[in-house]
Amino acid sequence: MTKGTSKSFKDLAIRYGFLCLLAGLVVFFSLFADGFAGPRSAVFVFQSVAITGILALGVTCTLVVDGFDLSIGSVATTALMLSAYVMVVLEQNAFVAVLACLIMGALVGLVNGLLIVKMRVPDLLATLGMMFLLIGLQRIPTEGRSIATGMRLPGGEVAEGTFSASFLWIGRHRFDMVLEDLIPVPVILFLIIGVCVWVFLELSRHGRLMYAIGSNERAAGLAGANINRYKITAYMISGVLASVGGILLAARLGRGDIASGNNLLLDSVAAALIGFAVLGAAKPNAFGTAIGALFVGVLLQGLTMMNSPYYTQDFVKGAVLIVALVFTFALSSRGRKGGH
């Protein structure tokens, strides 16, 4: 094999290797996991992917400006608990519940951004602190209990509110397509949000400036970009998208389950980082993140249907993430060598 042929093969492997791995996973599980190839299994995969993917798109926006948001999982669970509290305890309607969650997500993102750009707190420490703060805050109103109709509140009152039917529709309704009940509402929302984030990052001037800030903050500042404003915006987008994920989870469960969403952070971060390897991008990008979320969903659904022990799933996810990062850094290393 000539040197040119070897280089060409390496380029193809880096660019399409991860997509081939995803296709191979689908074929493998279709052959060895009974029912995996059926429409019901596909619905479960896409529905689980939707929430994880929406959170991962928020992480992607912070990665673009060379940041990182560890608070997304706690923002999502806070939105879950807040929406339940507004409807069940305060007896408000779905619109108020959704609006309260979106405002909460935006405020958390704003505080994260201000801590990072104004107070100079490292992004990992700022968002880690916010994560713990929210984990504690969401448990205080109910003294750590889940929220459901008929529950007894700390003051002795009984919560008589219920989840609005229109709110539950967001998480449970499925549109009849070619196959009956194939497309759940969360999947439609994920696709819409994914396209919007992709257009914003790849095609808009603001997205290009955010990439420029992530690549070389000083040069972007000299070119006139308002670095602080764009960084704060990235964290606000992350907070709002995390709250959307929490709303969808609450609408699917129909209760404020305090234990739900424990794996949202890890799965979302994995999806966003796997996106670096898709099509050899070597950078955060919305399309790669969506494929990464799909990969995580296929992997977990396949392992579940093969009766794989739950405690092995994080190990497998970690192994896959390492493979994705190897693809990424192999590409980066090649690019650096080519530049000298």
Protein backbone atom coordinates (compact mmCIF):
# COMPACT_ATOMS: atom_id res chain seq x y z
CA MET A 1 0.00 0.00 0.00
CA THR A 2 1.46 3.33 -1.06
CA LYS A 3 1.86 6.25 1.30
CA GLY A 4 -0.85 8.22 -0.55
CA THR A 5 -3.28 5.31 -0.38
CA SER A 6 -2.57 4.84 3.33
CA LYS A 7 -3.18 8.56 3.99
CA SER A 8 -6.42 8.45 1.99
CA PHE A 9 -7.63 5.41 3.94
CA LYS A 10 -6.78 7.15 7.22
CA ASP A 11 -8.72 10.23 6.12
CA LEU A 12 -11.75 8.09 5.29
CA ALA A 13 -11.51 6.23 8.60
CA ILE A 14 -11.36 9.46 10.59
CA ARG A 15 -14.18 11.08 8.62
CA TYR A 16 -16.62 8.18 8.37
CA GLY A 17 -15.38 5.73 10.97
CA PHE A 18 -17.84 6.75 13.66
CA LEU A 19 -20.83 6.64 11.31
CA CYS A 20 -19.71 3.15 10.26
CA LEU A 21 -19.51 2.21 13.94
CA LEU A 22 -23.08 3.45 14.47
CA ALA A 23 -24.31 1.49 11.45
CA GLY A 24 -22.46 -1.59 12.71
CA LEU A 25 -24.12 -1.25 16.13
CA VAL A 26 -27.58 -1.06 14.54
CA VAL A 27 -26.88 -4.19 12.44
CA PHE A 28 -25.43 -6.06 15.44
CA PHE A 29 -28.36 -5.33 17.74
CA SER A 30 -30.85 -6.05 14.94
CA LEU A 31 -29.36 -9.52 14.58
CA PHE A 32 -28.78 -10.43 18.22
CA ALA A 33 -31.38 -8.46 20.20
CA ASP A 34 -34.93 -9.70 19.60
CA GLY A 35 -37.28 -6.89 18.66
CA PHE A 36 -34.58 -4.23 18.31
CA ALA A 37 -35.34 -3.66 14.63
CA GLY A 38 -39.06 -3.16 15.29
CA PRO A 39 -40.88 0.19 15.31
CA ARG A 40 -41.62 0.00 19.05
CA SER A 41 -37.91 -0.22 19.82
CA ALA A 42 -37.21 2.69 17.48
CA VAL A 43 -39.78 4.79 19.34
CA PHE A 44 -38.05 4.09 22.66
CA VAL A 45 -34.66 4.97 21.18
CA PHE A 46 -35.83 8.24 19.65
CA GLN A 47 -37.77 9.26 22.73
CA SER A 48 -34.78 8.70 25.01
CA VAL A 49 -32.51 10.42 22.50
CA ALA A 50 -34.74 13.50 22.37
CA ILE A 51 -34.22 14.64 25.97
CA THR A 52 -30.53 13.71 26.06
CA GLY A 53 -29.97 15.36 22.69
CA ILE A 54 -31.62 18.65 23.68
CA LEU A 55 -29.40 18.90 26.76
CA ALA A 56 -26.36 17.93 24.68
CA LEU A 57 -27.09 20.73 22.20
CA GLY A 58 -26.91 23.17 25.12
CA VAL A 59 -23.55 21.74 26.17
CA THR A 60 -22.39 22.09 22.56
CA CYS A 61 -23.10 25.84 22.62
CA THR A 62 -20.85 26.24 25.69
CA LEU A 63 -18.14 24.06 24.13
CA VAL A 64 -18.17 26.30 21.05
CA VAL A 65 -16.99 29.26 23.17
CA ASP A 66 -14.39 27.05 24.88
CA GLY A 67 -16.53 26.57 27.99
CA PHE A 68 -18.30 23.69 29.65
CA ASP A 69 -21.58 23.37 31.54
CA LEU A 70 -21.81 20.75 34.28
CA SER A 71 -25.08 22.10 35.62
CA ILE A 72 -27.34 20.94 32.78
CA GLY A 73 -28.49 17.76 34.54
CA SER A 74 -29.46 19.63 37.69
CA VAL A 75 -31.17 22.37 35.65
CA ALA A 76 -33.25 19.70 33.92
CA THR A 77 -34.27 18.02 37.20
CA THR A 78 -35.01 21.43 38.72
CA ALA A 79 -37.30 22.17 35.76
CA LEU A 80 -38.96 18.80 36.30
CA MET A 81 -39.61 19.56 39.98
CA LEU A 82 -40.55 23.20 39.34
CA SER A 83 -43.15 22.35 36.70
CA ALA A 84 -44.67 19.74 39.01
CA TYR A 85 -44.68 22.18 41.94
CA VAL A 86 -46.33 24.94 39.91
CA MET A 87 -49.15 22.67 38.71
CA VAL A 88 -49.65 20.30 41.65
CA VAL A 89 -48.95 22.57 44.63
CA LEU A 90 -49.65 26.06 43.26
CA GLU A 91 -52.43 24.75 40.98
CA GLN A 92 -51.37 26.83 37.98
CA ASN A 93 -51.84 25.92 34.31
CA ALA A 94 -49.36 24.43 31.84
CA PHE A 95 -48.39 27.79 30.32
CA VAL A 96 -47.32 29.18 33.70
CA ALA A 97 -45.38 25.99 34.48
CA VAL A 98 -43.50 26.02 31.17
CA LEU A 99 -42.79 29.75 31.39
CA ALA A 100 -41.47 29.42 34.96
CA CYS A 101 -39.11 26.62 33.87
CA LEU A 102 -37.77 28.54 30.88
CA ILE A 103 -37.16 31.64 32.99
CA MET A 104 -35.41 29.52 35.61
CA GLY A 105 -33.14 27.97 32.96
CA ALA A 106 -32.26 31.38 31.50
CA LEU A 107 -31.49 32.80 34.96
CA VAL A 108 -29.26 29.86 35.86
CA GLY A 109 -27.41 30.29 32.57
CA LEU A 110 -27.07 34.02 33.21
CA VAL A 111 -25.62 33.44 36.68
CA ASN A 112 -23.23 30.80 35.31
CA GLY A 113 -22.11 33.21 32.60
CA LEU A 114 -21.61 36.11 35.00
CA LEU A 115 -19.61 33.94 37.41
CA ILE A 116 -17.34 32.88 34.56
CA VAL A 117 -16.84 36.16 32.66
CA LYS A 118 -17.19 38.73 35.43
CA MET A 119 -15.95 36.91 38.54
CA ARG A 120 -13.34 34.92 36.59
CA VAL A 121 -14.43 31.64 38.16
CA PRO A 122 -13.29 28.69 35.97
CA ASP A 123 -16.25 27.27 34.04
CA LEU A 124 -15.98 23.78 35.54
CA LEU A 125 -15.98 25.14 39.10
CA ALA A 126 -18.77 27.66 38.50
CA THR A 127 -21.12 25.15 36.90
CA LEU A 128 -20.18 22.43 39.40
CA GLY A 129 -21.11 24.78 42.24
CA MET A 130 -24.39 25.61 40.48
CA MET A 131 -25.09 21.92 40.06
CA PHE A 132 -24.84 21.25 43.80
CA LEU A 133 -26.82 24.40 44.62
CA LEU A 134 -29.70 23.31 42.38
CA ILE A 135 -29.64 19.72 43.63
CA GLY A 136 -30.21 21.07 47.13
CA LEU A 137 -32.64 23.81 46.14
CA GLN A 138 -35.05 21.54 44.28
CA ARG A 139 -35.46 19.33 47.36
CA ILE A 140 -36.15 22.06 49.93
CA PRO A 141 -39.86 22.85 49.19
CA THR A 142 -40.93 19.21 49.62
CA GLU A 143 -38.22 18.12 52.08
CA GLY A 144 -36.72 15.77 49.51
CA ARG A 145 -39.96 14.05 48.45
CA SER A 146 -41.28 13.60 44.92
CA ILE A 147 -44.29 15.69 43.88
CA ALA A 148 -47.60 14.03 43.01
CA THR A 149 -51.29 14.80 43.38
CA GLY A 150 -52.50 14.04 46.92
CA MET A 151 -49.07 14.29 48.55
CA ARG A 152 -48.84 15.84 52.00
CA LEU A 153 -46.73 19.00 52.06
CA PRO A 154 -44.30 19.92 54.90
CA GLY A 155 -46.91 22.29 56.41
CA GLY A 156 -49.50 19.52 56.57
CA GLU A 157 -51.60 20.61 53.59
CA VAL A 158 -52.54 18.15 50.85
CA ALA A 159 -51.53 19.05 47.27
CA GLU A 160 -54.71 18.89 45.23
CA GLY A 161 -53.49 20.21 41.89
CA THR A 162 -53.01 17.94 38.87
CA PHE A 163 -50.82 17.85 35.81
CA SER A 164 -52.53 19.68 32.97
CA ALA A 165 -53.61 17.47 30.06
CA SER A 166 -51.99 19.93 27.64
CA PHE A 167 -48.72 19.66 29.59
CA LEU A 168 -48.78 15.84 29.48
CA TRP A 169 -49.46 16.06 25.74
CA ILE A 170 -45.97 17.54 25.27
CA GLY A 171 -44.30 14.42 26.62
CA ARG A 172 -46.72 11.65 25.66
CA HIS A 173 -48.43 12.43 22.37
CA ARG A 174 -47.24 10.70 19.22
CA PHE A 175 -47.99 11.81 15.70
CA ASP A 176 -49.31 9.13 13.32
CA MET A 177 -46.94 8.94 10.42
CA VAL A 178 -46.24 6.11 7.97
CA LEU A 179 -46.25 3.68 10.88
CA GLU A 180 -48.79 4.10 13.66
CA ASP A 181 -47.66 6.24 16.61
CA LEU A 182 -44.12 6.49 15.29
CA ILE A 183 -43.06 10.05 16.09
CA PRO A 184 -43.39 11.33 19.69
CA VAL A 185 -43.68 15.08 20.28
CA PRO A 186 -40.28 15.25 22.09
CA VAL A 187 -38.60 13.87 18.95
CA ILE A 188 -40.22 16.58 16.81
CA LEU A 189 -39.06 19.22 19.28
CA PHE A 190 -35.53 17.75 19.30
CA LEU A 191 -35.35 17.90 15.51
CA ILE A 192 -36.62 21.49 15.43
CA ILE A 193 -34.20 22.60 18.15
CA GLY A 194 -31.34 20.71 16.50
CA VAL A 195 -31.92 22.43 13.16
CA CYS A 196 -32.20 25.84 14.84
CA VAL A 197 -28.95 25.35 16.77
CA TRP A 198 -27.19 24.08 13.63
CA VAL A 199 -28.36 27.08 11.59
CA PHE A 200 -27.37 29.47 14.38
CA LEU A 201 -23.88 28.02 14.86
CA GLU A 202 -22.98 27.20 11.25
CA LEU A 203 -24.75 29.81 9.14
CA SER A 204 -25.22 32.93 11.26
CA ARG A 205 -22.68 35.66 11.96
CA HIS A 206 -23.19 35.19 15.69
CA GLY A 207 -22.41 31.49 15.47
CA ARG A 208 -19.22 32.15 13.51
CA LEU A 209 -18.16 34.69 16.13
CA MET A 210 -18.78 32.14 18.88
CA TYR A 211 -16.55 29.64 17.06
CA ALA A 212 -13.93 32.36 16.67
CA ILE A 213 -14.05 33.05 20.42
CA GLY A 214 -13.59 29.36 21.15
CA SER A 215 -10.66 29.07 18.74
CA ASN A 216 -8.80 32.26 19.68
CA GLU A 217 -10.46 34.52 22.22
CA ARG A 218 -7.88 37.28 21.96
CA ALA A 219 -8.04 37.47 18.17
CA ALA A 220 -11.85 37.49 18.27
CA GLY A 221 -11.74 40.35 20.77
CA LEU A 222 -9.37 42.34 18.57
CA ALA A 223 -11.76 41.76 15.66
CA GLY A 224 -14.51 43.47 17.64
CA ALA A 225 -16.47 40.52 19.06
CA ASN A 226 -18.11 41.15 22.44
CA ILE A 227 -16.59 38.10 24.11
CA ASN A 228 -18.35 38.39 27.45
CA ARG A 229 -21.78 38.83 25.88
CA TYR A 230 -21.38 35.79 23.63
CA LYS A 231 -20.12 33.61 26.47
CA ILE A 232 -23.04 34.59 28.69
CA THR A 233 -25.41 33.94 25.78
CA ALA A 234 -23.97 30.45 25.32
CA TYR A 235 -24.61 29.56 28.96
CA MET A 236 -28.12 31.03 28.81
CA ILE A 237 -28.89 28.89 25.75
CA SER A 238 -27.56 25.87 27.63
CA GLY A 239 -29.75 26.65 30.65
CA VAL A 240 -32.90 27.15 28.57
CA LEU A 241 -32.35 23.93 26.59
CA ALA A 242 -31.71 22.00 29.81
CA SER A 243 -34.99 23.32 31.21
CA VAL A 244 -36.76 22.20 28.01
CA GLY A 245 -35.37 18.71 28.60
CA GLY A 246 -36.68 18.79 32.17
CA ILE A 247 -40.13 19.90 30.98
CA LEU A 248 -40.29 17.00 28.52
CA LEU A 249 -39.21 14.55 31.21
CA ALA A 250 -41.88 15.85 33.62
CA ALA A 251 -44.52 15.67 30.89
CA ARG A 252 -43.58 12.08 30.14
CA LEU A 253 -43.55 10.94 33.78
CA GLY A 254 -46.57 12.93 34.96
CA ARG A 255 -45.01 13.55 38.37
CA GLY A 256 -42.10 15.38 39.96
CA ASP A 257 -39.86 12.38 40.50
CA ILE A 258 -36.86 13.51 42.54
CA ALA A 259 -34.77 10.53 41.37
CA SER A 260 -35.32 11.04 37.65
CA GLY A 261 -32.65 12.49 35.44
CA ASN A 262 -29.68 11.09 37.35
CA ASN A 263 -27.89 10.07 34.15
CA LEU A 264 -28.83 13.09 32.05
CA LEU A 265 -25.54 14.90 32.65
CA LEU A 266 -23.29 11.98 31.74
CA ASP A 267 -25.30 10.93 28.69
CA SER A 268 -25.57 14.50 27.40
CA VAL A 269 -21.88 15.23 27.86
CA ALA A 270 -21.03 11.94 26.14
CA ALA A 271 -23.26 12.86 23.17
CA ALA A 272 -21.69 16.32 22.85
CA LEU A 273 -18.13 14.96 23.00
CA ILE A 274 -18.88 12.09 20.63
CA GLY A 275 -20.01 14.79 18.20
CA PHE A 276 -16.38 15.88 17.84
CA ALA A 277 -15.67 12.60 16.01
CA VAL A 278 -18.61 12.67 13.59
CA LEU A 279 -17.48 13.39 10.00
CA GLY A 280 -14.05 14.30 11.37
CA ALA A 281 -15.29 17.65 12.65
CA ALA A 282 -12.81 17.84 15.56
CA LYS A 283 -14.94 20.62 17.03
CA PRO A 284 -18.29 20.95 18.81
CA ASN A 285 -21.14 20.96 16.29
CA ALA A 286 -24.89 20.45 16.36
CA PHE A 287 -25.06 17.69 13.73
CA GLY A 288 -22.35 15.65 15.45
CA THR A 289 -24.08 16.10 18.80
CA ALA A 290 -27.36 14.80 17.36
CA ILE A 291 -25.58 11.74 15.96
CA GLY A 292 -23.80 11.29 19.30
CA ALA A 293 -27.14 11.32 21.14
CA LEU A 294 -28.52 8.77 18.67
CA PHE A 295 -25.46 6.60 19.22
CA VAL A 296 -25.91 6.67 23.00
CA GLY A 297 -29.62 5.86 22.62
CA VAL A 298 -28.99 2.94 20.26
CA LEU A 299 -26.26 1.60 22.51
CA LEU A 300 -28.33 1.70 25.71
CA GLN A 301 -31.48 0.32 24.06
CA GLY A 302 -29.53 -2.51 22.45
CA LEU A 303 -27.74 -3.44 25.67
CA THR A 304 -31.05 -3.34 27.57
CA MET A 305 -32.77 -5.61 25.04
CA MET A 306 -29.85 -8.04 25.24
CA ASN A 307 -30.41 -8.18 29.03
CA SER A 308 -27.01 -6.66 29.70
CA PRO A 309 -26.57 -5.89 33.44
CA TYR A 310 -27.25 -2.22 34.16
CA TYR A 311 -23.90 -1.79 35.88
CA THR A 312 -22.01 -2.58 32.65
CA GLN A 313 -23.71 0.16 30.62
CA ASP A 314 -21.63 3.07 31.99
CA PHE A 315 -18.48 1.06 31.27
CA VAL A 316 -19.54 0.54 27.66
CA LYS A 317 -20.46 4.24 27.29
CA GLY A 318 -17.05 5.19 28.65
CA ALA A 319 -15.29 2.87 26.21
CA VAL A 320 -17.25 4.33 23.29
CA LEU A 321 -16.44 7.87 24.41
CA ILE A 322 -12.74 7.05 24.52
CA VAL A 323 -12.94 5.66 20.97
CA ALA A 324 -14.63 8.88 19.84
CA LEU A 325 -11.95 11.02 21.46
CA VAL A 326 -9.23 8.92 19.83
CA PHE A 327 -10.81 9.75 16.46
CA THR A 328 -10.92 13.42 17.43
CA PHE A 329 -7.35 13.74 18.65
CA ALA A 330 -6.01 11.66 15.76
CA LEU A 331 -7.56 14.21 13.42
CA SER A 332 -6.27 17.16 15.45
CA SER A 333 -2.78 15.69 15.56
CA ARG A 334 -2.85 15.13 11.83
CA GLY A 335 -3.99 18.71 11.25
CA ARG A 336 -1.19 20.12 13.41
CA LYS A 337 1.44 18.05 11.64
CA GLY A 338 0.08 19.13 8.28
CA GLY A 339 0.36 22.77 9.30
CA HIS A 340 4.11 22.63 10.04
